[in-house]
C-alpha atoms as a PDB file:
ATOM      1  CA  UNK A   1     113.897  97.955 102.292  1.00  0.00           C
ATOM      2  CA  UNK A   2     112.516  97.726  98.715  1.00  0.00           C
ATOM      3  CA  UNK A   3     110.382  94.680  97.762  1.00  0.00           C
ATOM      4  CA  UNK A   4     112.794  93.976  94.782  1.00  0.00           C
ATOM      5  CA  UNK A   5     115.244  92.496  97.307  1.00  0.00           C
ATOM      6  CA  UNK A   6     112.790  89.996  98.609  1.00  0.00           C
ATOM      7  CA  UNK A   7     111.596  89.164  95.299  1.00  0.00           C
ATOM      8  CA  UNK A   8     115.219  88.369  94.110  1.00  0.00           C
ATOM      9  CA  UNK A   9     116.042  86.365  97.163  1.00  0.00           C
ATOM     10  CA  UNK A  10     112.800  84.334  96.716  1.00  0.00           C
ATOM     11  CA  UNK A  11     113.562  83.546  93.166  1.00  0.00           C
ATOM     12  CA  UNK A  12     117.111  82.565  94.084  1.00  0.00           C
ATOM     13  CA  UNK A  13     115.823  80.203  96.745  1.00  0.00           C
ATOM     14  CA  UNK A  14     113.048  78.771  94.646  1.00  0.00           C
ATOM     15  CA  UNK A  15     115.529  78.245  91.819  1.00  0.00           C
ATOM     16  CA  UNK A  16     117.988  76.513  94.202  1.00  0.00           C
ATOM     17  CA  UNK A  17     115.123  74.267  95.239  1.00  0.00           C
ATOM     18  CA  UNK A  18     113.978  73.429  91.667  1.00  0.00           C
ATOM     19  CA  UNK A  19     117.553  72.579  90.682  1.00  0.00           C
ATOM     20  CA  UNK A  20     117.903  70.358  93.684  1.00  0.00           C
ATOM     21  CA  UNK A  21     114.726  68.466  93.155  1.00  0.00           C
ATOM     22  CA  UNK A  22     115.584  67.827  89.485  1.00  0.00           C
ATOM     23  CA  UNK A  23     119.165  66.918  89.859  1.00  0.00           C
ATOM     24  CA  UNK A  24     119.660  65.052  93.188  1.00  0.00           C
ATOM     25  CA  UNK A  25     118.841  61.510  93.758  1.00  0.00           C
ATOM     26  CA  UNK A  26     118.936  61.296  97.537  1.00  0.00           C
ATOM     27  CA  UNK A  27     115.376  61.497  98.940  1.00  0.00           C
ATOM     28  CA  UNK A  28     116.355  63.592 101.925  1.00  0.00           C
ATOM     29  CA  UNK A  29     117.974  66.384  99.858  1.00  0.00           C
ATOM     30  CA  UNK A  30     114.976  66.225  97.565  1.00  0.00           C
ATOM     31  CA  UNK A  31     112.691  66.654 100.477  1.00  0.00           C
ATOM     32  CA  UNK A  32     114.811  69.537 101.875  1.00  0.00           C
ATOM     33  CA  UNK A  33     114.689  71.193  98.419  1.00  0.00           C
ATOM     34  CA  UNK A  34     110.981  71.019  98.389  1.00  0.00           C
ATOM     35  CA  UNK A  35     110.962  72.550 101.904  1.00  0.00           C
ATOM     36  CA  UNK A  36     113.209  75.360 100.561  1.00  0.00           C
ATOM     37  CA  UNK A  37     110.729  76.112  97.719  1.00  0.00           C
ATOM     38  CA  UNK A  38     107.961  76.473 100.233  1.00  0.00           C
ATOM     39  CA  UNK A  39     109.939  78.849 102.180  1.00  0.00           C
ATOM     40  CA  UNK A  40     110.561  81.000  99.188  1.00  0.00           C
ATOM     41  CA  UNK A  41     106.885  81.230  98.733  1.00  0.00           C
ATOM     42  CA  UNK A  42     106.435  82.158 102.395  1.00  0.00           C
ATOM     43  CA  UNK A  43     108.965  84.898 102.096  1.00  0.00           C
ATOM     44  CA  UNK A  44     107.107  86.443  99.277  1.00  0.00           C
ATOM     45  CA  UNK A  45     103.723  86.145 100.918  1.00  0.00           C
ATOM     46  CA  UNK A  46     105.155  87.996 104.038  1.00  0.00           C
ATOM     47  CA  UNK A  47     106.877  90.584 101.885  1.00  0.00           C
ATOM     48  CA  UNK A  48     103.782  91.306  99.775  1.00  0.00           C
ATOM     49  CA  UNK A  49     101.590  91.412 103.039  1.00  0.00           C
ATOM     50  CA  UNK A  50     103.926  93.830 104.654  1.00  0.00           C
ATOM     51  CA  UNK A  51     104.110  96.132 101.369  1.00  0.00           C
ATOM     52  CA  UNK A  52     100.214  95.907 101.195  1.00  0.00           C
ATOM     53  CA  UNK A  53     100.045  97.076 104.831  1.00  0.00           C
ATOM     54  CA  UNK A  54     102.355  99.899 104.342  1.00  0.00           C
ATOM     55  CA  UNK A  55     100.439 101.229 101.283  1.00  0.00           C
ATOM     56  CA  UNK A  56      97.244 100.987 103.185  1.00  0.00           C
ATOM     57  CA  UNK A  57      98.757 102.756 106.204  1.00  0.00           C
ATOM     58  CA  UNK A  58     100.019 105.560 103.976  1.00  0.00           C
ATOM     59  CA  UNK A  59      96.589 105.884 102.283  1.00  0.00           C
ATOM     60  CA  UNK A  60      94.943 106.289 105.788  1.00  0.00           C
ATOM     61  CA  UNK A  61      97.459 108.918 106.939  1.00  0.00           C
ATOM     62  CA  UNK A  62      96.739 110.981 103.708  1.00  0.00           C
ATOM     63  CA  UNK A  63      93.057 110.626 104.309  1.00  0.00           C
ATOM     64  CA  UNK A  64      93.426 111.814 107.881  1.00  0.00           C
ATOM     65  CA  UNK A  65      91.889 108.689 109.306  1.00  0.00           C
ATOM     66  CA  UNK A  66      93.079 106.719 112.276  1.00  0.00           C
ATOM     67  CA  UNK A  67      96.042 104.368 111.341  1.00  0.00           C
ATOM     68  CA  UNK A  68      94.608 101.188 112.941  1.00  0.00           C
ATOM     69  CA  UNK A  69      94.100  98.540 110.331  1.00  0.00           C
ATOM     70  CA  UNK A  70      94.398  94.820 109.818  1.00  0.00           C
ATOM     71  CA  UNK A  71      94.961  94.962 106.130  1.00  0.00           C
ATOM     72  CA  UNK A  72      97.963  93.018 105.181  1.00  0.00           C
ATOM     73  CA  UNK A  73      97.536  90.193 107.587  1.00  0.00           C
ATOM     74  CA  UNK A  74      96.086  87.723 104.999  1.00  0.00           C
ATOM     75  CA  UNK A  75      99.538  86.953 103.761  1.00  0.00           C
ATOM     76  CA  UNK A  76     100.789  86.230 107.127  1.00  0.00           C
ATOM     77  CA  UNK A  77      97.880  83.983 107.908  1.00  0.00           C
ATOM     78  CA  UNK A  78      98.547  82.069 104.683  1.00  0.00           C
ATOM     79  CA  UNK A  79     102.122  81.601 105.835  1.00  0.00           C
ATOM     80  CA  UNK A  80     100.933  80.108 109.118  1.00  0.00           C
ATOM     81  CA  UNK A  81      98.707  77.549 107.390  1.00  0.00           C
ATOM     82  CA  UNK A  82     101.510  76.725 104.941  1.00  0.00           C
ATOM     83  CA  UNK A  83     103.865  76.127 107.856  1.00  0.00           C
ATOM     84  CA  UNK A  84     101.258  73.826 109.488  1.00  0.00           C
ATOM     85  CA  UNK A  85     100.854  71.710 106.338  1.00  0.00           C
ATOM     86  CA  UNK A  86     104.655  71.768 105.815  1.00  0.00           C
ATOM     87  CA  UNK A  87     105.109  70.438 109.374  1.00  0.00           C
ATOM     88  CA  UNK A  88     102.586  67.487 108.601  1.00  0.00           C
ATOM     89  CA  UNK A  89     104.395  66.961 105.211  1.00  0.00           C
ATOM     90  CA  UNK A  90     107.718  66.562 107.162  1.00  0.00           C
ATOM     91  CA  UNK A  91     106.270  64.005 109.538  1.00  0.00           C
ATOM     92  CA  UNK A  92     104.803  61.988 106.696  1.00  0.00           C
ATOM     93  CA  UNK A  93     107.739  62.321 104.387  1.00  0.00           C
ATOM     94  CA  UNK A  94     110.260  61.470 106.984  1.00  0.00           C
ATOM     95  CA  UNK A  95     108.175  58.391 107.954  1.00  0.00           C
ATOM     96  CA  UNK A  96     108.101  57.287 104.198  1.00  0.00           C
ATOM     97  CA  UNK A  97     112.009  57.704 103.908  1.00  0.00           C
ATOM     98  CA  UNK A  98     112.631  55.788 107.090  1.00  0.00           C
ATOM     99  CA  UNK A  99     110.335  52.843 105.814  1.00  0.00           C
ATOM    100  CA  UNK A 100     112.121  53.158 102.419  1.00  0.00           C
ATOM    101  CA  UNK A 101     115.653  52.826 104.244  1.00  0.00           C
ATOM    102  CA  UNK A 102     114.322  49.865 106.206  1.00  0.00           C
ATOM    103  CA  UNK A 103     113.089  48.048 103.160  1.00  0.00           C
ATOM    104  CA  UNK A 104     115.948  48.706 100.696  1.00  0.00           C
ATOM    105  CA  UNK A 105     118.728  50.026 103.023  1.00  0.00           C
ATOM    106  CA  UNK A 106     119.172  53.129 100.818  1.00  0.00           C
ATOM    107  CA  UNK A 107     117.499  56.670 100.287  1.00  0.00           C
ATOM    108  CA  UNK A 108     118.404  56.756  96.602  1.00  0.00           C
ATOM    109  CA  UNK A 109     115.152  57.511  94.697  1.00  0.00           C
ATOM    110  CA  UNK A 110     116.275  55.246  91.843  1.00  0.00           C
ATOM    111  CA  UNK A 111     115.914  52.155  93.924  1.00  0.00           C
ATOM    112  CA  UNK A 112     112.198  53.108  94.164  1.00  0.00           C
ATOM    113  CA  UNK A 113     111.712  51.377  90.870  1.00  0.00           C
ATOM    114  CA  UNK A 114     112.503  48.076  92.431  1.00  0.00           C
ATOM    115  CA  UNK A 115     109.364  48.407  94.661  1.00  0.00           C
ATOM    116  CA  UNK A 116     107.039  48.257  91.748  1.00  0.00           C
ATOM    117  CA  UNK A 117     107.592  44.440  91.150  1.00  0.00           C
END
């Protein structure tokens, strides 16, 4: 499958996430849109990692060398670390949202201005 499909899908997902963050007022929906943007970046990292691996594999075949390589695993390793950080972000973010709901009985981010005073 051509990498252009992955790029267009990632751009669409990231754009939906940006629009959701900028237009929504519900904290949970904003949180989900941020996760959507992270997953779009993860998709691109894996796609480029796979593409880099296939290019290196083809280069090794042309050179007549053995086709055992670990090239292209860097992007997948970055995705793993991003997913770990995203899991930590989810736990902290949901805790903040729960505390916000307990204090002001709403998850509307416009009510956060009331917490300043």
